[in-house]
Amino acid sequence: MTMVGDPSTTLERKVRGRVRDDESHRRVAAALTEVAVAAIHPARHAGLGLAAGGGMLEAPIESATQAAVETLVAHLEDLVASLPPPAVEQLVNEQLAAELGIE
């Protein structure tokens, strides 16, 4: 179950695509929203029932989400570049198995 081309480049491309997909973007935004609400509205975060102003956080969260996703992509690319070839090959094979639904 090997892929054609440079395995490291293939892995970087697949990881980059997965981190930038809509589901990952949604998950990062949700985590950042939770942190922002806890920082700006500590009473709401503590469960005291006070509502956060939703629109107030929308633009900063979107901006932070984009920055976080791109930072994560850069760090994961560095990680892949530092891995020994057997580890890269194993990860490429895992990526392919996941795409094919093989366990």
PDB file of N, CA and C in Angstrom:
ATOM      1  N   MET A   1       0.829  -1.170   0.000  1.00  0.00           N
ATOM      2  CA  MET A   1       0.000   0.000   0.000  1.00  0.00           C
ATOM      3  C   MET A   1       0.884   1.247   0.000  1.00  0.00           C
ATOM      4  N   THR A   2       1.655   1.455  -1.020  1.00  0.00           N
ATOM      5  CA  THR A   2       2.536   2.613  -1.097  1.00  0.00           C
ATOM      6  C   THR A   2       1.973   3.619  -2.089  1.00  0.00           C
ATOM      7  N   MET A   3       2.346   4.856  -1.890  1.00  0.00           N
ATOM      8  CA  MET A   3       1.880   5.915  -2.768  1.00  0.00           C
ATOM      9  C   MET A   3       3.006   6.314  -3.711  1.00  0.00           C
ATOM     10  N   VAL A   4       2.630   6.782  -4.882  1.00  0.00           N
ATOM     11  CA  VAL A   4       3.604   7.208  -5.872  1.00  0.00           C
ATOM     12  C   VAL A   4       4.122   8.595  -5.497  1.00  0.00           C
ATOM     13  N   GLY A   5       5.405   8.838  -5.756  1.00  0.00           N
ATOM     14  CA  GLY A   5       5.992  10.137  -5.454  1.00  0.00           C
ATOM     15  C   GLY A   5       6.725  10.115  -4.130  1.00  0.00           C
ATOM     16  N   ASP A   6       7.202  11.294  -3.747  1.00  0.00           N
ATOM     17  CA  ASP A   6       7.920  11.437  -2.492  1.00  0.00           C
ATOM     18  C   ASP A   6       6.954  11.271  -1.326  1.00  0.00           C
ATOM     19  N   PRO A   7       7.172  10.268  -0.468  1.00  0.00           N
ATOM     20  CA  PRO A   7       6.239  10.041   0.643  1.00  0.00           C
ATOM     21  C   PRO A   7       6.103  11.240   1.579  1.00  0.00           C
ATOM     22  N   SER A   8       7.183  11.948   1.826  1.00  0.00           N
ATOM     23  CA  SER A   8       7.141  13.099   2.724  1.00  0.00           C
ATOM     24  C   SER A   8       6.255  14.202   2.145  1.00  0.00           C
ATOM     25  N   THR A   9       6.384  14.471   0.873  1.00  0.00           N
ATOM     26  CA  THR A   9       5.569  15.483   0.209  1.00  0.00           C
ATOM     27  C   THR A   9       4.105  15.065   0.201  1.00  0.00           C
ATOM     28  N   THR A  10       3.856  13.788  -0.063  1.00  0.00           N
ATOM     29  CA  THR A  10       2.494  13.264  -0.068  1.00  0.00           C
ATOM     30  C   THR A  10       1.857  13.421   1.309  1.00  0.00           C
ATOM     31  N   LEU A  11       2.604  13.066   2.351  1.00  0.00           N
ATOM     32  CA  LEU A  11       2.086  13.178   3.714  1.00  0.00           C
ATOM     33  C   LEU A  11       1.815  14.633   4.071  1.00  0.00           C
ATOM     34  N   GLU A  12       2.745  15.525   3.761  1.00  0.00           N
ATOM     35  CA  GLU A  12       2.550  16.951   4.053  1.00  0.00           C
ATOM     36  C   GLU A  12       1.285  17.470   3.366  1.00  0.00           C
ATOM     37  N   ARG A  13       1.078  17.094   2.123  1.00  0.00           N
ATOM     38  CA  ARG A  13      -0.092  17.557   1.374  1.00  0.00           C
ATOM     39  C   ARG A  13      -1.380  17.052   2.020  1.00  0.00           C
ATOM     40  N   LYS A  14      -1.408  15.788   2.421  1.00  0.00           N
ATOM     41  CA  LYS A  14      -2.610  15.215   3.029  1.00  0.00           C
ATOM     42  C   LYS A  14      -2.899  15.848   4.391  1.00  0.00           C
ATOM     43  N   VAL A  15      -1.858  16.028   5.194  1.00  0.00           N
ATOM     44  CA  VAL A  15      -2.035  16.631   6.515  1.00  0.00           C
ATOM     45  C   VAL A  15      -2.503  18.076   6.368  1.00  0.00           C
ATOM     46  N   ARG A  16      -1.874  18.811   5.465  1.00  0.00           N
ATOM     47  CA  ARG A  16      -2.248  20.208   5.210  1.00  0.00           C
ATOM     48  C   ARG A  16      -3.729  20.293   4.817  1.00  0.00           C
ATOM     49  N   GLY A  17      -4.154  19.409   3.938  1.00  0.00           N
ATOM     50  CA  GLY A  17      -5.553  19.415   3.509  1.00  0.00           C
ATOM     51  C   GLY A  17      -6.518  19.098   4.631  1.00  0.00           C
ATOM     52  N   ARG A  18      -6.144  18.141   5.478  1.00  0.00           N
ATOM     53  CA  ARG A  18      -7.014  17.776   6.590  1.00  0.00           C
ATOM     54  C   ARG A  18      -7.105  18.884   7.630  1.00  0.00           C
ATOM     55  N   VAL A  19      -5.994  19.550   7.911  1.00  0.00           N
ATOM     56  CA  VAL A  19      -6.021  20.623   8.905  1.00  0.00           C
ATOM     57  C   VAL A  19      -6.821  21.815   8.383  1.00  0.00           C
ATOM     58  N   ARG A  20      -6.786  22.043   7.083  1.00  0.00           N
ATOM     59  CA  ARG A  20      -7.491  23.189   6.497  1.00  0.00           C
ATOM     60  C   ARG A  20      -8.932  22.884   6.110  1.00  0.00           C
ATOM     61  N   ASP A  21      -9.404  21.653   6.306  1.00  0.00           N
ATOM     62  CA  ASP A  21     -10.773  21.334   5.885  1.00  0.00           C
ATOM     63  C   ASP A  21     -11.796  21.981   6.823  1.00  0.00           C
ATOM     64  N   ASP A  22     -13.054  21.973   6.404  1.00  0.00           N
ATOM     65  CA  ASP A  22     -14.115  22.651   7.151  1.00  0.00           C
ATOM     66  C   ASP A  22     -14.285  22.096   8.560  1.00  0.00           C
ATOM     67  N   GLU A  23     -14.195  20.793   8.726  1.00  0.00           N
ATOM     68  CA  GLU A  23     -14.382  20.186  10.044  1.00  0.00           C
ATOM     69  C   GLU A  23     -13.291  20.628  11.011  1.00  0.00           C
ATOM     70  N   SER A  24     -12.043  20.615  10.581  1.00  0.00           N
ATOM     71  CA  SER A  24     -10.950  21.062  11.445  1.00  0.00           C
ATOM     72  C   SER A  24     -11.095  22.540  11.775  1.00  0.00           C
ATOM     73  N   HIS A  25     -11.481  23.328  10.787  1.00  0.00           N
ATOM     74  CA  HIS A  25     -11.686  24.765  10.996  1.00  0.00           C
ATOM     75  C   HIS A  25     -12.766  24.982  12.050  1.00  0.00           C
ATOM     76  N   ARG A  26     -13.854  24.239  11.962  1.00  0.00           N
ATOM     77  CA  ARG A  26     -14.952  24.353  12.924  1.00  0.00           C
ATOM     78  C   ARG A  26     -14.484  23.978  14.329  1.00  0.00           C
ATOM     79  N   ARG A  27     -13.694  22.910  14.432  1.00  0.00           N
ATOM     80  CA  ARG A  27     -13.214  22.456  15.740  1.00  0.00           C
ATOM     81  C   ARG A  27     -12.258  23.468  16.370  1.00  0.00           C
ATOM     82  N   VAL A  28     -11.366  24.045  15.567  1.00  0.00           N
ATOM     83  CA  VAL A  28     -10.448  25.065  16.085  1.00  0.00           C
ATOM     84  C   VAL A  28     -11.242  26.287  16.532  1.00  0.00           C
ATOM     85  N   ALA A  29     -12.199  26.723  15.733  1.00  0.00           N
ATOM     86  CA  ALA A  29     -13.011  27.889  16.080  1.00  0.00           C
ATOM     87  C   ALA A  29     -13.788  27.643  17.372  1.00  0.00           C
ATOM     88  N   ALA A  30     -14.324  26.440  17.548  1.00  0.00           N
ATOM     89  CA  ALA A  30     -15.068  26.123  18.772  1.00  0.00           C
ATOM     90  C   ALA A  30     -14.163  26.183  19.994  1.00  0.00           C
ATOM     91  N   ALA A  31     -12.957  25.645  19.871  1.00  0.00           N
ATOM     92  CA  ALA A  31     -12.009  25.683  20.996  1.00  0.00           C
ATOM     93  C   ALA A  31     -11.614  27.120  21.319  1.00  0.00           C
ATOM     94  N   LEU A  32     -11.327  27.909  20.295  1.00  0.00           N
ATOM     95  CA  LEU A  32     -10.947  29.307  20.522  1.00  0.00           C
ATOM     96  C   LEU A  32     -12.111  30.119  21.104  1.00  0.00           C
ATOM     97  N   THR A  33     -13.320  29.817  20.681  1.00  0.00           N
ATOM     98  CA  THR A  33     -14.489  30.501  21.227  1.00  0.00           C
ATOM     99  C   THR A  33     -14.637  30.206  22.710  1.00  0.00           C
ATOM    100  N   GLU A  34     -14.448  28.959  23.079  1.00  0.00           N
ATOM    101  CA  GLU A  34     -14.535  28.568  24.493  1.00  0.00           C
ATOM    102  C   GLU A  34     -13.506  29.332  25.325  1.00  0.00           C
ATOM    103  N   VAL A  35     -12.285  29.418  24.829  1.00  0.00           N
ATOM    104  CA  VAL A  35     -11.228  30.142  25.543  1.00  0.00           C
ATOM    105  C   VAL A  35     -11.563  31.628  25.626  1.00  0.00           C
ATOM    106  N   ALA A  36     -12.031  32.210  24.526  1.00  0.00           N
ATOM    107  CA  ALA A  36     -12.353  33.640  24.507  1.00  0.00           C
ATOM    108  C   ALA A  36     -13.502  33.965  25.450  1.00  0.00           C
ATOM    109  N   VAL A  37     -14.532  33.136  25.444  1.00  0.00           N
ATOM    110  CA  VAL A  37     -15.678  33.371  26.328  1.00  0.00           C
ATOM    111  C   VAL A  37     -15.234  33.268  27.783  1.00  0.00           C
ATOM    112  N   ALA A  38     -14.397  32.304  28.098  1.00  0.00           N
ATOM    113  CA  ALA A  38     -13.910  32.153  29.470  1.00  0.00           C
ATOM    114  C   ALA A  38     -13.091  33.375  29.894  1.00  0.00           C
ATOM    115  N   ALA A  39     -12.368  33.950  28.957  1.00  0.00           N
ATOM    116  CA  ALA A  39     -11.535  35.120  29.283  1.00  0.00           C
ATOM    117  C   ALA A  39     -12.348  36.394  29.402  1.00  0.00           C
ATOM    118  N   ILE A  40     -13.307  36.582  28.501  1.00  0.00           N
ATOM    119  CA  ILE A  40     -14.056  37.840  28.460  1.00  0.00           C
ATOM    120  C   ILE A  40     -15.296  37.813  29.353  1.00  0.00           C
ATOM    121  N   HIS A  41     -15.891  36.633  29.494  1.00  0.00           N
ATOM    122  CA  HIS A  41     -17.120  36.478  30.295  1.00  0.00           C
ATOM    123  C   HIS A  41     -16.910  35.393  31.353  1.00  0.00           C
ATOM    124  N   PRO A  42     -16.058  35.641  32.341  1.00  0.00           N
ATOM    125  CA  PRO A  42     -15.771  34.583  33.321  1.00  0.00           C
ATOM    126  C   PRO A  42     -17.008  34.111  34.087  1.00  0.00           C
ATOM    127  N   ALA A  43     -17.985  34.991  34.302  1.00  0.00           N
ATOM    128  CA  ALA A  43     -19.193  34.577  35.018  1.00  0.00           C
ATOM    129  C   ALA A  43     -19.987  33.566  34.196  1.00  0.00           C
ATOM    130  N   ARG A  44     -20.065  33.770  32.901  1.00  0.00           N
ATOM    131  CA  ARG A  44     -20.779  32.814  32.034  1.00  0.00           C
ATOM    132  C   ARG A  44     -20.049  31.491  32.022  1.00  0.00           C
ATOM    133  N   HIS A  45     -18.738  31.556  31.917  1.00  0.00           N
ATOM    134  CA  HIS A  45     -17.936  30.331  31.888  1.00  0.00           C
ATOM    135  C   HIS A  45     -18.068  29.559  33.200  1.00  0.00           C
ATOM    136  N   ALA A  46     -18.227  30.278  34.304  1.00  0.00           N
ATOM    137  CA  ALA A  46     -18.358  29.631  35.616  1.00  0.00           C
ATOM    138  C   ALA A  46     -19.751  29.058  35.833  1.00  0.00           C
ATOM    139  N   GLY A  47     -20.631  29.214  34.849  1.00  0.00           N
ATOM    140  CA  GLY A  47     -21.963  28.629  34.952  1.00  0.00           C
ATOM    141  C   GLY A  47     -22.955  29.478  35.725  1.00  0.00           C
ATOM    142  N   LEU A  48     -22.731  30.775  35.780  1.00  0.00           N
ATOM    143  CA  LEU A  48     -23.637  31.646  36.513  1.00  0.00           C
ATOM    144  C   LEU A  48     -24.809  32.134  35.666  1.00  0.00           C
ATOM    145  N   GLY A  49     -24.902  31.639  34.428  1.00  0.00           N
ATOM    146  CA  GLY A  49     -26.062  31.924  33.597  1.00  0.00           C
ATOM    147  C   GLY A  49     -26.040  33.240  32.852  1.00  0.00           C
ATOM    148  N   LEU A  50     -24.949  33.959  32.887  1.00  0.00           N
ATOM    149  CA  LEU A  50     -24.882  35.212  32.151  1.00  0.00           C
ATOM    150  C   LEU A  50     -24.485  34.928  30.706  1.00  0.00           C
ATOM    151  N   ALA A  51     -25.183  35.553  29.772  1.00  0.00           N
ATOM    152  CA  ALA A  51     -24.945  35.278  28.354  1.00  0.00           C
ATOM    153  C   ALA A  51     -23.817  36.141  27.801  1.00  0.00           C
ATOM    154  N   ALA A  52     -23.064  35.540  26.884  1.00  0.00           N
ATOM    155  CA  ALA A  52     -21.999  36.273  26.193  1.00  0.00           C
ATOM    156  C   ALA A  52     -22.584  36.969  24.976  1.00  0.00           C
ATOM    157  N   GLY A  53     -22.018  38.116  24.626  1.00  0.00           N
ATOM    158  CA  GLY A  53     -22.413  38.804  23.405  1.00  0.00           C
ATOM    159  C   GLY A  53     -21.787  38.094  22.214  1.00  0.00           C
ATOM    160  N   GLY A  54     -22.542  37.248  21.524  1.00  0.00           N
ATOM    161  CA  GLY A  54     -22.014  36.398  20.462  1.00  0.00           C
ATOM    162  C   GLY A  54     -21.334  37.131  19.335  1.00  0.00           C
ATOM    163  N   GLY A  55     -21.956  38.188  18.814  1.00  0.00           N
ATOM    164  CA  GLY A  55     -21.397  38.909  17.682  1.00  0.00           C
ATOM    165  C   GLY A  55     -20.093  39.618  17.996  1.00  0.00           C
ATOM    166  N   MET A  56     -19.920  39.977  19.243  1.00  0.00           N
ATOM    167  CA  MET A  56     -18.724  40.705  19.653  1.00  0.00           C
ATOM    168  C   MET A  56     -17.460  39.870  19.426  1.00  0.00           C
ATOM    169  N   LEU A  57     -17.538  38.562  19.551  1.00  0.00           N
ATOM    170  CA  LEU A  57     -16.359  37.702  19.435  1.00  0.00           C
ATOM    171  C   LEU A  57     -16.156  37.125  18.036  1.00  0.00           C
ATOM    172  N   GLU A  58     -17.126  37.270  17.161  1.00  0.00           N
ATOM    173  CA  GLU A  58     -17.085  36.603  15.864  1.00  0.00           C
ATOM    174  C   GLU A  58     -15.853  36.951  15.028  1.00  0.00           C
ATOM    175  N   ALA A  59     -15.569  38.222  14.824  1.00  0.00           N
ATOM    176  CA  ALA A  59     -14.426  38.625  13.987  1.00  0.00           C
ATOM    177  C   ALA A  59     -13.087  38.231  14.610  1.00  0.00           C
ATOM    178  N   PRO A  60     -12.877  38.475  15.910  1.00  0.00           N
ATOM    179  CA  PRO A  60     -11.595  38.054  16.481  1.00  0.00           C
ATOM    180  C   PRO A  60     -11.397  36.542  16.449  1.00  0.00           C
ATOM    181  N   ILE A  61     -12.474  35.791  16.646  1.00  0.00           N
ATOM    182  CA  ILE A  61     -12.357  34.326  16.615  1.00  0.00           C
ATOM    183  C   ILE A  61     -12.013  33.858  15.209  1.00  0.00           C
ATOM    184  N   GLU A  62     -12.651  34.426  14.201  1.00  0.00           N
ATOM    185  CA  GLU A  62     -12.355  34.027  12.821  1.00  0.00           C
ATOM    186  C   GLU A  62     -10.904  34.325  12.474  1.00  0.00           C
ATOM    187  N   SER A  63     -10.434  35.488  12.854  1.00  0.00           N
ATOM    188  CA  SER A  63      -9.042  35.865  12.596  1.00  0.00           C
ATOM    189  C   SER A  63      -8.074  34.942  13.331  1.00  0.00           C
ATOM    190  N   ALA A  64      -8.365  34.677  14.584  1.00  0.00           N
ATOM    191  CA  ALA A  64      -7.510  33.786  15.376  1.00  0.00           C
ATOM    192  C   ALA A  64      -7.545  32.362  14.842  1.00  0.00           C
ATOM    193  N   THR A  65      -8.701  31.936  14.354  1.00  0.00           N
ATOM    194  CA  THR A  65      -8.825  30.585  13.796  1.00  0.00           C
ATOM    195  C   THR A  65      -7.940  30.438  12.570  1.00  0.00           C
ATOM    196  N   GLN A  66      -7.990  31.426  11.678  1.00  0.00           N
ATOM    197  CA  GLN A  66      -7.146  31.374  10.483  1.00  0.00           C
ATOM    198  C   GLN A  66      -5.671  31.321  10.858  1.00  0.00           C
ATOM    199  N   ALA A  67      -5.276  32.153  11.794  1.00  0.00           N
ATOM    200  CA  ALA A  67      -3.873  32.173  12.236  1.00  0.00           C
ATOM    201  C   ALA A  67      -3.485  30.859  12.886  1.00  0.00           C
ATOM    202  N   ALA A  68      -4.368  30.305  13.714  1.00  0.00           N
ATOM    203  CA  ALA A  68      -4.071  29.035  14.388  1.00  0.00           C
ATOM    204  C   ALA A  68      -3.935  27.894  13.392  1.00  0.00           C
ATOM    205  N   VAL A  69      -4.821  27.844  12.414  1.00  0.00           N
ATOM    206  CA  VAL A  69      -4.767  26.777  11.405  1.00  0.00           C
ATOM    207  C   VAL A  69      -3.463  26.866  10.616  1.00  0.00           C
ATOM    208  N   GLU A  70      -3.094  28.062  10.183  1.00  0.00           N
ATOM    209  CA  GLU A  70      -1.860  28.205   9.397  1.00  0.00           C
ATOM    210  C   GLU A  70      -0.613  27.915  10.235  1.00  0.00           C
ATOM    211  N   THR A  71      -0.641  28.295  11.501  1.00  0.00           N
ATOM    212  CA  THR A  71       0.485  27.982  12.393  1.00  0.00           C
ATOM    213  C   THR A  71       0.595  26.479  12.593  1.00  0.00           C
ATOM    214  N   LEU A  72      -0.538  25.824  12.809  1.00  0.00           N
ATOM    215  CA  LEU A  72      -0.530  24.371  12.979  1.00  0.00           C
ATOM    216  C   LEU A  72      -0.016  23.675  11.725  1.00  0.00           C
ATOM    217  N   VAL A  73      -0.444  24.121  10.546  1.00  0.00           N
ATOM    218  CA  VAL A  73       0.035  23.542   9.291  1.00  0.00           C
ATOM    219  C   VAL A  73       1.555  23.664   9.204  1.00  0.00           C
ATOM    220  N   ALA A  74       2.084  24.838   9.499  1.00  0.00           N
ATOM    221  CA  ALA A  74       3.533  25.056   9.425  1.00  0.00           C
ATOM    222  C   ALA A  74       4.279  24.134  10.386  1.00  0.00           C
ATOM    223  N   HIS A  75       3.779  23.988  11.594  1.00  0.00           N
ATOM    224  CA  HIS A  75       4.438  23.127  12.573  1.00  0.00           C
ATOM    225  C   HIS A  75       4.351  21.650  12.179  1.00  0.00           C
ATOM    226  N   LEU A  76       3.212  21.253  11.631  1.00  0.00           N
ATOM    227  CA  LEU A  76       3.087  19.857  11.188  1.00  0.00           C
ATOM    228  C   LEU A  76       3.985  19.572   9.983  1.00  0.00           C
ATOM    229  N   GLU A  77       4.138  20.536   9.081  1.00  0.00           N
ATOM    230  CA  GLU A  77       5.053  20.366   7.957  1.00  0.00           C
ATOM    231  C   GLU A  77       6.489  20.201   8.459  1.00  0.00           C
ATOM    232  N   ASP A  78       6.868  21.000   9.453  1.00  0.00           N
ATOM    233  CA  ASP A  78       8.204  20.864  10.051  1.00  0.00           C
ATOM    234  C   ASP A  78       8.368  19.494  10.699  1.00  0.00           C
ATOM    235  N   LEU A  79       7.326  19.044  11.379  1.00  0.00           N
ATOM    236  CA  LEU A  79       7.373  17.726  12.012  1.00  0.00           C
ATOM    237  C   LEU A  79       7.576  16.631  10.972  1.00  0.00           C
ATOM    238  N   VAL A  80       6.797  16.658   9.906  1.00  0.00           N
ATOM    239  CA  VAL A  80       6.917  15.648   8.857  1.00  0.00           C
ATOM    240  C   VAL A  80       8.321  15.667   8.258  1.00  0.00           C
ATOM    241  N   ALA A  81       8.853  16.861   8.027  1.00  0.00           N
ATOM    242  CA  ALA A  81      10.188  16.991   7.446  1.00  0.00           C
ATOM    243  C   ALA A  81      11.263  16.412   8.361  1.00  0.00           C
ATOM    244  N   SER A  82      11.003  16.372   9.663  1.00  0.00           N
ATOM    245  CA  SER A  82      12.004  15.880  10.613  1.00  0.00           C
ATOM    246  C   SER A  82      11.903  14.377  10.882  1.00  0.00           C
ATOM    247  N   LEU A  83      10.848  13.753  10.383  1.00  0.00           N
ATOM    248  CA  LEU A  83      10.643  12.326  10.662  1.00  0.00           C
ATOM    249  C   LEU A  83      11.569  11.450   9.815  1.00  0.00           C
ATOM    250  N   PRO A  84      11.997  10.311  10.376  1.00  0.00           N
ATOM    251  CA  PRO A  84      12.791   9.376   9.582  1.00  0.00           C
ATOM    252  C   PRO A  84      11.915   8.729   8.501  1.00  0.00           C
ATOM    253  N   PRO A  85      12.505   8.355   7.377  1.00  0.00           N
ATOM    254  CA  PRO A  85      11.726   7.783   6.264  1.00  0.00           C
ATOM    255  C   PRO A  85      10.782   6.640   6.651  1.00  0.00           C
ATOM    256  N   PRO A  86      11.172   5.695   7.514  1.00  0.00           N
ATOM    257  CA  PRO A  86      10.215   4.632   7.861  1.00  0.00           C
ATOM    258  C   PRO A  86       8.951   5.165   8.561  1.00  0.00           C
ATOM    259  N   ALA A  87       9.103   6.189   9.375  1.00  0.00           N
ATOM    260  CA  ALA A  87       7.939   6.768  10.047  1.00  0.00           C
ATOM    261  C   ALA A  87       7.035   7.472   9.042  1.00  0.00           C
ATOM    262  N   VAL A  88       7.631   8.176   8.098  1.00  0.00           N
ATOM    263  CA  VAL A  88       6.849   8.846   7.055  1.00  0.00           C
ATOM    264  C   VAL A  88       6.076   7.811   6.239  1.00  0.00           C
ATOM    265  N   GLU A  89       6.754   6.751   5.847  1.00  0.00           N
ATOM    266  CA  GLU A  89       6.105   5.693   5.056  1.00  0.00           C
ATOM    267  C   GLU A  89       4.932   5.078   5.825  1.00  0.00           C
ATOM    268  N   GLN A  90       5.116   4.849   7.116  1.00  0.00           N
ATOM    269  CA  GLN A  90       4.038   4.288   7.931  1.00  0.00           C
ATOM    270  C   GLN A  90       2.848   5.244   7.987  1.00  0.00           C
ATOM    271  N   LEU A  91       3.123   6.531   8.183  1.00  0.00           N
ATOM    272  CA  LEU A  91       2.044   7.518   8.242  1.00  0.00           C
ATOM    273  C   LEU A  91       1.327   7.660   6.900  1.00  0.00           C
ATOM    274  N   VAL A  92       2.079   7.592   5.812  1.00  0.00           N
ATOM    275  CA  VAL A  92       1.462   7.647   4.479  1.00  0.00           C
ATOM    276  C   VAL A  92       0.529   6.455   4.305  1.00  0.00           C
ATOM    277  N   ASN A  93       0.979   5.289   4.713  1.00  0.00           N
ATOM    278  CA  ASN A  93       0.145   4.088   4.609  1.00  0.00           C
ATOM    279  C   ASN A  93      -1.107   4.202   5.476  1.00  0.00           C
ATOM    280  N   GLU A  94      -0.970   4.789   6.661  1.00  0.00           N
ATOM    281  CA  GLU A  94      -2.140   5.007   7.537  1.00  0.00           C
ATOM    282  C   GLU A  94      -3.121   5.977   6.895  1.00  0.00           C
ATOM    283  N   GLN A  95      -2.593   7.015   6.248  1.00  0.00           N
ATOM    284  CA  GLN A  95      -3.453   7.983   5.560  1.00  0.00           C
ATOM    285  C   GLN A  95      -4.259   7.281   4.457  1.00  0.00           C
ATOM    286  N   LEU A  96      -3.569   6.477   3.691  1.00  0.00           N
ATOM    287  CA  LEU A  96      -4.214   5.745   2.592  1.00  0.00           C
ATOM    288  C   LEU A  96      -5.249   4.769   3.130  1.00  0.00           C
ATOM    289  N   ALA A  97      -4.907   4.050   4.175  1.00  0.00           N
ATOM    290  CA  ALA A  97      -5.864   3.101   4.775  1.00  0.00           C
ATOM    291  C   ALA A  97      -7.107   3.826   5.272  1.00  0.00           C
ATOM    292  N   ALA A  98      -6.926   4.994   5.885  1.00  0.00           N
ATOM    293  CA  ALA A  98      -8.071   5.764   6.364  1.00  0.00           C
ATOM    294  C   ALA A  98      -8.948   6.219   5.198  1.00  0.00           C
ATOM    295  N   GLU A  99      -8.322   6.629   4.119  1.00  0.00           N
ATOM    296  CA  GLU A  99      -9.084   7.074   2.941  1.00  0.00           C
ATOM    297  C   GLU A  99      -9.876   5.928   2.327  1.00  0.00           C
ATOM    298  N   LEU A 100      -9.310   4.730   2.391  1.00  0.00           N
ATOM    299  CA  LEU A 100      -9.967   3.556   1.821  1.00  0.00           C
ATOM    300  C   LEU A 100     -10.907   2.860   2.805  1.00  0.00           C
ATOM    301  N   GLY A 101     -10.898   3.321   4.061  1.00  0.00           N
ATOM    302  CA  GLY A 101     -11.758   2.716   5.077  1.00  0.00           C
ATOM    303  C   GLY A 101     -11.242   1.367   5.567  1.00  0.00           C
ATOM    304  N   ILE A 102      -9.927   1.158   5.475  1.00  0.00           N
ATOM    305  CA  ILE A 102      -9.326  -0.106   5.908  1.00  0.00           C
ATOM    306  C   ILE A 102      -8.788   0.078   7.322  1.00  0.00           C
ATOM    307  N   GLU A 103      -9.021  -0.930   8.167  1.00  0.00           N
ATOM    308  CA  GLU A 103      -8.461  -0.852   9.519  1.00  0.00           C
ATOM    309  C   GLU A 103      -7.243  -1.708   9.647  1.00  0.00           C
TER     310      GLU A 103
END
